[in-house]
Amino acid sequence: MGGTLAGNVLSTAAMRATLGEVLTAPAFEHMIAMATRFTAGVELVLLETNMPWSIVQLGARAEYLFTSPAPKSGSASALVEDEELEDYLHLFMSNRGLLMTPFHNMALMCPTTSSADVDLHTALFTKAIGDLVS
């Protein structure tokens, strides 16, 4: 949260409600389980296609990178960026109804993310990678 308007009464009430009612321990358990499912799906596709990429997960967040092993620093990560490949994946996904986080290939699970949502990504990722390697 930032900006000059972030400390107003409405913003503060929304943050309090989110922290107290939405981002609960059971919600985090679900979000992390969905991220683990997402990570496993991507890992399987990368393994089956022998794609030299990696995926990293931190809690409810997962991101695939165009190198393996995964970079250990921001500078190392910047060295393996591929804007055209990233654009391809984002367009491939968005044209089929799934939006990825802009500027990288990251997914952050939310309390309402379902197994079907994650499985849709896995199916689309499988097709996108299949098209790349064919």
N, C-alpha and C. Protein backbone atom coordinates (compact mmCIF):
# COMPACT_ATOMS: atom_id res chain seq x y z
N MET A 1 0.85 -1.18 0.00
CA MET A 1 0.00 0.00 0.00
C MET A 1 0.89 1.23 0.00
N GLY A 2 0.55 2.18 -0.82
CA GLY A 2 1.34 3.41 -0.86
C GLY A 2 0.54 4.53 -1.47
N GLY A 3 1.18 5.63 -1.61
CA GLY A 3 0.52 6.79 -2.18
C GLY A 3 -0.03 7.70 -1.11
N THR A 4 -0.36 8.91 -1.52
CA THR A 4 -0.81 9.91 -0.55
C THR A 4 -2.21 9.63 -0.01
N LEU A 5 -3.00 8.82 -0.70
CA LEU A 5 -4.37 8.57 -0.25
C LEU A 5 -4.52 7.25 0.51
N ALA A 6 -3.43 6.53 0.71
CA ALA A 6 -3.52 5.20 1.30
C ALA A 6 -3.85 5.21 2.79
N GLY A 7 -3.69 6.32 3.45
CA GLY A 7 -3.94 6.35 4.89
C GLY A 7 -5.30 6.89 5.26
N ASN A 8 -6.21 7.03 4.30
CA ASN A 8 -7.52 7.59 4.65
C ASN A 8 -8.38 6.55 5.38
N VAL A 9 -9.48 7.01 5.92
CA VAL A 9 -10.34 6.16 6.75
C VAL A 9 -10.85 4.95 5.97
N LEU A 10 -11.28 5.15 4.73
CA LEU A 10 -11.82 4.04 3.94
C LEU A 10 -10.73 3.00 3.65
N SER A 11 -9.55 3.46 3.25
CA SER A 11 -8.44 2.53 2.97
C SER A 11 -8.06 1.74 4.21
N THR A 12 -7.99 2.42 5.33
CA THR A 12 -7.62 1.76 6.57
C THR A 12 -8.68 0.73 6.98
N ALA A 13 -9.95 1.07 6.82
CA ALA A 13 -11.02 0.12 7.14
C ALA A 13 -10.97 -1.09 6.21
N ALA A 14 -10.68 -0.86 4.93
CA ALA A 14 -10.58 -1.96 3.97
C ALA A 14 -9.41 -2.87 4.31
N MET A 15 -8.28 -2.29 4.69
CA MET A 15 -7.13 -3.10 5.08
C MET A 15 -7.44 -3.93 6.32
N ARG A 16 -8.07 -3.30 7.29
CA ARG A 16 -8.42 -4.01 8.53
C ARG A 16 -9.38 -5.17 8.23
N ALA A 17 -10.39 -4.92 7.40
CA ALA A 17 -11.34 -5.97 7.05
C ALA A 17 -10.65 -7.11 6.29
N THR A 18 -9.77 -6.75 5.37
CA THR A 18 -9.05 -7.78 4.61
C THR A 18 -8.19 -8.63 5.52
N LEU A 19 -7.44 -7.99 6.40
CA LEU A 19 -6.56 -8.74 7.30
C LEU A 19 -7.34 -9.57 8.31
N GLY A 20 -8.50 -9.08 8.73
CA GLY A 20 -9.27 -9.79 9.75
C GLY A 20 -10.25 -10.81 9.20
N GLU A 21 -10.76 -10.58 7.99
CA GLU A 21 -11.84 -11.42 7.47
C GLU A 21 -11.46 -12.24 6.24
N VAL A 22 -10.46 -11.81 5.48
CA VAL A 22 -10.13 -12.48 4.22
C VAL A 22 -8.82 -13.25 4.32
N LEU A 23 -7.77 -12.60 4.76
CA LEU A 23 -6.46 -13.24 4.82
C LEU A 23 -6.27 -13.96 6.15
N THR A 24 -7.07 -14.99 6.33
CA THR A 24 -7.07 -15.78 7.55
C THR A 24 -6.14 -16.99 7.40
N ALA A 25 -5.87 -17.67 8.49
CA ALA A 25 -5.03 -18.87 8.43
C ALA A 25 -5.60 -19.92 7.46
N PRO A 26 -6.91 -20.21 7.52
CA PRO A 26 -7.46 -21.18 6.55
C PRO A 26 -7.32 -20.69 5.10
N ALA A 27 -7.47 -19.39 4.88
CA ALA A 27 -7.31 -18.86 3.52
C ALA A 27 -5.88 -19.06 3.04
N PHE A 28 -4.91 -18.79 3.91
CA PHE A 28 -3.51 -18.98 3.52
C PHE A 28 -3.20 -20.45 3.24
N GLU A 29 -3.76 -21.35 4.05
CA GLU A 29 -3.56 -22.78 3.80
C GLU A 29 -4.05 -23.14 2.40
N HIS A 30 -5.23 -22.63 2.04
CA HIS A 30 -5.79 -22.90 0.71
C HIS A 30 -4.93 -22.27 -0.38
N MET A 31 -4.53 -21.02 -0.20
CA MET A 31 -3.73 -20.32 -1.20
C MET A 31 -2.40 -21.03 -1.44
N ILE A 32 -1.76 -21.47 -0.37
CA ILE A 32 -0.48 -22.17 -0.50
C ILE A 32 -0.68 -23.52 -1.18
N ALA A 33 -1.77 -24.20 -0.86
CA ALA A 33 -2.07 -25.48 -1.52
C ALA A 33 -2.27 -25.27 -3.02
N MET A 34 -2.94 -24.20 -3.40
CA MET A 34 -3.14 -23.92 -4.83
C MET A 34 -1.82 -23.56 -5.51
N ALA A 35 -0.96 -22.83 -4.83
CA ALA A 35 0.35 -22.50 -5.40
C ALA A 35 1.21 -23.75 -5.55
N THR A 36 1.10 -24.66 -4.60
CA THR A 36 1.83 -25.93 -4.68
C THR A 36 1.33 -26.75 -5.87
N ARG A 37 0.03 -26.76 -6.08
CA ARG A 37 -0.56 -27.46 -7.23
C ARG A 37 -0.08 -26.82 -8.53
N PHE A 38 -0.09 -25.48 -8.59
CA PHE A 38 0.39 -24.73 -9.75
C PHE A 38 1.84 -25.09 -10.05
N THR A 39 2.69 -25.06 -9.02
CA THR A 39 4.11 -25.36 -9.17
C THR A 39 4.31 -26.78 -9.68
N ALA A 40 3.59 -27.73 -9.12
CA ALA A 40 3.73 -29.13 -9.55
C ALA A 40 3.33 -29.29 -11.01
N GLY A 41 2.27 -28.60 -11.43
CA GLY A 41 1.84 -28.68 -12.83
C GLY A 41 2.89 -28.14 -13.78
N VAL A 42 3.45 -26.99 -13.45
CA VAL A 42 4.49 -26.39 -14.30
C VAL A 42 5.73 -27.28 -14.30
N GLU A 43 6.14 -27.77 -13.13
CA GLU A 43 7.32 -28.65 -13.06
C GLU A 43 7.15 -29.88 -13.94
N LEU A 44 5.97 -30.47 -13.94
CA LEU A 44 5.72 -31.66 -14.74
C LEU A 44 5.84 -31.35 -16.23
N VAL A 45 5.27 -30.23 -16.66
CA VAL A 45 5.36 -29.84 -18.07
C VAL A 45 6.82 -29.60 -18.46
N LEU A 46 7.56 -28.91 -17.62
CA LEU A 46 8.96 -28.63 -17.92
C LEU A 46 9.76 -29.93 -18.01
N LEU A 47 9.48 -30.86 -17.12
CA LEU A 47 10.16 -32.15 -17.12
C LEU A 47 9.81 -32.96 -18.38
N GLU A 48 8.52 -33.03 -18.69
CA GLU A 48 8.07 -33.83 -19.83
C GLU A 48 8.56 -33.29 -21.17
N THR A 49 8.77 -31.98 -21.25
CA THR A 49 9.20 -31.37 -22.51
C THR A 49 10.70 -31.09 -22.54
N ASN A 50 11.36 -31.42 -21.44
CA ASN A 50 12.80 -31.17 -21.32
C ASN A 50 13.13 -29.68 -21.52
N MET A 51 12.22 -28.83 -21.09
CA MET A 51 12.41 -27.38 -21.20
C MET A 51 13.35 -26.92 -20.09
N PRO A 52 14.42 -26.22 -20.42
CA PRO A 52 15.42 -25.82 -19.42
C PRO A 52 15.01 -24.58 -18.63
N TRP A 53 13.82 -24.60 -18.09
CA TRP A 53 13.30 -23.51 -17.27
C TRP A 53 13.16 -24.02 -15.84
N SER A 54 12.72 -23.12 -14.96
CA SER A 54 12.49 -23.50 -13.57
C SER A 54 11.26 -22.76 -13.06
N ILE A 55 10.78 -23.21 -11.93
CA ILE A 55 9.68 -22.52 -11.25
C ILE A 55 10.05 -22.44 -9.77
N VAL A 56 9.75 -21.30 -9.18
CA VAL A 56 10.00 -21.11 -7.75
C VAL A 56 8.68 -20.75 -7.08
N GLN A 57 8.53 -21.23 -5.87
CA GLN A 57 7.32 -20.96 -5.09
C GLN A 57 7.73 -20.39 -3.75
N LEU A 58 7.04 -19.37 -3.34
CA LEU A 58 7.19 -18.81 -2.01
C LEU A 58 5.79 -18.58 -1.47
N GLY A 59 5.35 -19.46 -0.61
CA GLY A 59 4.00 -19.36 -0.07
C GLY A 59 2.97 -19.48 -1.17
N ALA A 60 2.13 -18.47 -1.31
CA ALA A 60 1.04 -18.48 -2.28
C ALA A 60 1.47 -17.94 -3.64
N ARG A 61 2.75 -17.70 -3.82
CA ARG A 61 3.28 -17.10 -5.05
C ARG A 61 4.15 -18.12 -5.77
N ALA A 62 3.98 -18.20 -7.09
CA ALA A 62 4.83 -19.08 -7.90
C ALA A 62 5.17 -18.34 -9.19
N GLU A 63 6.41 -18.54 -9.66
CA GLU A 63 6.85 -17.86 -10.88
C GLU A 63 7.78 -18.77 -11.66
N TYR A 64 7.53 -18.86 -12.98
CA TYR A 64 8.47 -19.63 -13.79
C TYR A 64 9.45 -18.70 -14.46
N LEU A 65 10.68 -19.22 -14.62
CA LEU A 65 11.80 -18.44 -15.15
C LEU A 65 12.43 -19.19 -16.31
N PHE A 66 13.01 -18.45 -17.23
CA PHE A 66 13.54 -19.03 -18.45
C PHE A 66 14.96 -19.55 -18.30
N THR A 67 15.25 -20.18 -17.20
CA THR A 67 16.56 -20.78 -16.94
C THR A 67 16.43 -21.82 -15.84
N SER A 68 17.38 -22.72 -15.81
CA SER A 68 17.44 -23.71 -14.74
C SER A 68 18.91 -23.96 -14.42
N PRO A 69 19.27 -23.91 -13.16
CA PRO A 69 18.42 -23.67 -11.99
C PRO A 69 17.96 -22.21 -11.92
N ALA A 70 17.02 -21.98 -11.01
CA ALA A 70 16.48 -20.63 -10.84
C ALA A 70 17.57 -19.67 -10.38
N PRO A 71 17.54 -18.44 -10.88
CA PRO A 71 18.52 -17.44 -10.44
C PRO A 71 18.40 -17.19 -8.94
N LYS A 72 19.51 -16.79 -8.34
CA LYS A 72 19.53 -16.54 -6.90
C LYS A 72 19.58 -15.06 -6.56
N SER A 73 19.57 -14.20 -7.58
CA SER A 73 19.58 -12.75 -7.32
C SER A 73 18.80 -12.04 -8.42
N GLY A 74 18.46 -10.81 -8.14
CA GLY A 74 17.76 -9.99 -9.14
C GLY A 74 18.59 -9.78 -10.38
N SER A 75 19.92 -9.56 -10.20
CA SER A 75 20.78 -9.34 -11.37
C SER A 75 20.86 -10.60 -12.23
N ALA A 76 20.96 -11.77 -11.58
CA ALA A 76 21.01 -13.02 -12.34
C ALA A 76 19.69 -13.25 -13.06
N SER A 77 18.60 -12.88 -12.43
CA SER A 77 17.28 -13.03 -13.05
C SER A 77 17.15 -12.11 -14.27
N ALA A 78 17.66 -10.89 -14.15
CA ALA A 78 17.58 -9.94 -15.27
C ALA A 78 18.34 -10.44 -16.49
N LEU A 79 19.40 -11.20 -16.26
CA LEU A 79 20.21 -11.70 -17.38
C LEU A 79 19.48 -12.73 -18.24
N VAL A 80 18.47 -13.37 -17.68
CA VAL A 80 17.76 -14.41 -18.44
C VAL A 80 16.36 -13.96 -18.87
N GLU A 81 16.07 -12.69 -18.74
CA GLU A 81 14.78 -12.18 -19.21
C GLU A 81 14.70 -12.33 -20.72
N ASP A 82 13.52 -12.63 -21.21
CA ASP A 82 13.27 -12.76 -22.64
C ASP A 82 11.92 -12.12 -22.91
N GLU A 83 11.95 -10.86 -23.32
CA GLU A 83 10.72 -10.09 -23.47
C GLU A 83 9.76 -10.70 -24.49
N GLU A 84 10.29 -11.17 -25.61
CA GLU A 84 9.42 -11.76 -26.63
C GLU A 84 8.77 -13.05 -26.14
N LEU A 85 9.53 -13.87 -25.46
CA LEU A 85 8.99 -15.11 -24.92
C LEU A 85 7.94 -14.82 -23.85
N GLU A 86 8.23 -13.86 -23.01
CA GLU A 86 7.27 -13.48 -21.98
C GLU A 86 5.98 -12.94 -22.61
N ASP A 87 6.13 -12.09 -23.63
CA ASP A 87 4.96 -11.57 -24.34
C ASP A 87 4.14 -12.70 -24.95
N TYR A 88 4.84 -13.66 -25.55
CA TYR A 88 4.15 -14.82 -26.15
C TYR A 88 3.31 -15.53 -25.10
N LEU A 89 3.91 -15.84 -23.95
CA LEU A 89 3.18 -16.57 -22.92
C LEU A 89 2.00 -15.77 -22.39
N HIS A 90 2.20 -14.47 -22.17
CA HIS A 90 1.10 -13.64 -21.67
C HIS A 90 -0.03 -13.57 -22.68
N LEU A 91 0.30 -13.37 -23.96
CA LEU A 91 -0.74 -13.31 -24.99
C LEU A 91 -1.43 -14.66 -25.16
N PHE A 92 -0.65 -15.73 -25.14
CA PHE A 92 -1.22 -17.07 -25.26
C PHE A 92 -2.25 -17.29 -24.16
N MET A 93 -1.87 -16.98 -22.94
CA MET A 93 -2.77 -17.18 -21.80
C MET A 93 -3.98 -16.24 -21.88
N SER A 94 -3.74 -14.96 -22.11
CA SER A 94 -4.85 -14.00 -22.09
C SER A 94 -5.85 -14.25 -23.22
N ASN A 95 -5.37 -14.71 -24.37
CA ASN A 95 -6.28 -15.03 -25.47
C ASN A 95 -7.15 -16.23 -25.17
N ARG A 96 -6.83 -16.94 -24.12
CA ARG A 96 -7.59 -18.12 -23.72
C ARG A 96 -8.24 -17.94 -22.35
N GLY A 97 -8.32 -16.69 -21.89
CA GLY A 97 -9.08 -16.39 -20.69
C GLY A 97 -8.33 -16.40 -19.38
N LEU A 98 -7.00 -16.43 -19.42
CA LEU A 98 -6.23 -16.47 -18.18
C LEU A 98 -5.20 -15.35 -18.19
N LEU A 99 -5.22 -14.52 -17.16
CA LEU A 99 -4.28 -13.41 -17.06
C LEU A 99 -3.18 -13.74 -16.07
N MET A 100 -1.95 -13.50 -16.48
CA MET A 100 -0.79 -13.66 -15.61
C MET A 100 -0.37 -12.28 -15.12
N THR A 101 0.39 -12.24 -14.04
CA THR A 101 0.87 -10.98 -13.50
C THR A 101 1.76 -10.29 -14.54
N PRO A 102 1.50 -9.01 -14.81
CA PRO A 102 2.31 -8.30 -15.81
C PRO A 102 3.79 -8.24 -15.42
N PHE A 103 4.63 -8.19 -16.41
CA PHE A 103 6.08 -7.98 -16.30
C PHE A 103 6.86 -9.20 -15.85
N HIS A 104 6.21 -10.29 -15.53
CA HIS A 104 6.90 -11.54 -15.26
C HIS A 104 5.87 -12.66 -15.28
N ASN A 105 6.31 -13.87 -15.14
CA ASN A 105 5.42 -15.03 -15.24
C ASN A 105 5.05 -15.54 -13.86
N MET A 106 4.40 -14.68 -13.11
CA MET A 106 4.09 -14.98 -11.73
C MET A 106 2.59 -15.13 -11.53
N ALA A 107 2.25 -16.03 -10.66
CA ALA A 107 0.86 -16.19 -10.26
C ALA A 107 0.80 -16.11 -8.73
N LEU A 108 -0.11 -15.30 -8.25
CA LEU A 108 -0.34 -15.18 -6.82
C LEU A 108 -1.74 -15.70 -6.55
N MET A 109 -1.82 -16.79 -5.82
CA MET A 109 -3.11 -17.40 -5.54
C MET A 109 -3.87 -16.54 -4.54
N CYS A 110 -5.17 -16.51 -4.70
CA CYS A 110 -6.01 -15.75 -3.77
C CYS A 110 -6.95 -16.73 -3.06
N PRO A 111 -7.69 -16.27 -2.08
CA PRO A 111 -8.57 -17.19 -1.35
C PRO A 111 -9.63 -17.85 -2.23
N THR A 112 -9.96 -17.25 -3.37
CA THR A 112 -10.98 -17.84 -4.24
C THR A 112 -10.40 -18.62 -5.41
N THR A 113 -9.08 -18.73 -5.51
CA THR A 113 -8.48 -19.53 -6.57
C THR A 113 -8.89 -20.99 -6.37
N SER A 114 -9.36 -21.62 -7.44
CA SER A 114 -9.82 -23.00 -7.34
C SER A 114 -8.84 -23.95 -8.04
N SER A 115 -9.01 -25.23 -7.76
CA SER A 115 -8.23 -26.24 -8.46
C SER A 115 -8.47 -26.15 -9.96
N ALA A 116 -9.70 -25.85 -10.35
CA ALA A 116 -10.02 -25.72 -11.78
C ALA A 116 -9.25 -24.55 -12.40
N ASP A 117 -9.10 -23.46 -11.66
CA ASP A 117 -8.30 -22.32 -12.16
C ASP A 117 -6.86 -22.75 -12.41
N VAL A 118 -6.29 -23.44 -11.44
CA VAL A 118 -4.90 -23.88 -11.55
C VAL A 118 -4.77 -24.89 -12.68
N ASP A 119 -5.71 -25.81 -12.78
CA ASP A 119 -5.66 -26.82 -13.84
C ASP A 119 -5.81 -26.20 -15.22
N LEU A 120 -6.57 -25.11 -15.32
CA LEU A 120 -6.67 -24.40 -16.60
C LEU A 120 -5.30 -23.86 -16.98
N HIS A 121 -4.60 -23.26 -16.03
CA HIS A 121 -3.25 -22.77 -16.34
C HIS A 121 -2.36 -23.91 -16.79
N THR A 122 -2.40 -25.03 -16.08
CA THR A 122 -1.54 -26.16 -16.44
C THR A 122 -1.84 -26.63 -17.86
N ALA A 123 -3.11 -26.73 -18.20
CA ALA A 123 -3.49 -27.16 -19.56
C ALA A 123 -3.00 -26.17 -20.61
N LEU A 124 -3.19 -24.88 -20.34
CA LEU A 124 -2.75 -23.86 -21.30
C LEU A 124 -1.23 -23.80 -21.38
N PHE A 125 -0.56 -23.93 -20.25
CA PHE A 125 0.90 -23.92 -20.23
C PHE A 125 1.44 -25.11 -21.03
N THR A 126 0.80 -26.27 -20.87
CA THR A 126 1.19 -27.46 -21.63
C THR A 126 1.09 -27.19 -23.12
N LYS A 127 0.00 -26.59 -23.55
CA LYS A 127 -0.21 -26.28 -24.98
C LYS A 127 0.80 -25.24 -25.45
N ALA A 128 1.02 -24.19 -24.67
CA ALA A 128 1.96 -23.13 -25.06
C ALA A 128 3.36 -23.68 -25.23
N ILE A 129 3.79 -24.50 -24.30
CA ILE A 129 5.14 -25.08 -24.38
C ILE A 129 5.20 -26.08 -25.53
N GLY A 130 4.15 -26.85 -25.70
CA GLY A 130 4.10 -27.79 -26.83
C GLY A 130 4.25 -27.07 -28.16
N ASP A 131 3.59 -25.94 -28.30
CA ASP A 131 3.70 -25.15 -29.53
C ASP A 131 5.12 -24.61 -29.71
N LEU A 132 5.76 -24.26 -28.62
CA LEU A 132 7.13 -23.73 -28.70
C LEU A 132 8.14 -24.80 -29.15
N VAL A 133 7.97 -26.00 -28.66
CA VAL A 133 8.96 -27.04 -28.94
C VAL A 133 8.65 -27.85 -30.20
N SER A 134 7.48 -27.63 -30.79
CA SER A 134 7.14 -28.41 -32.00
C SER A 134 7.70 -27.79 -33.26
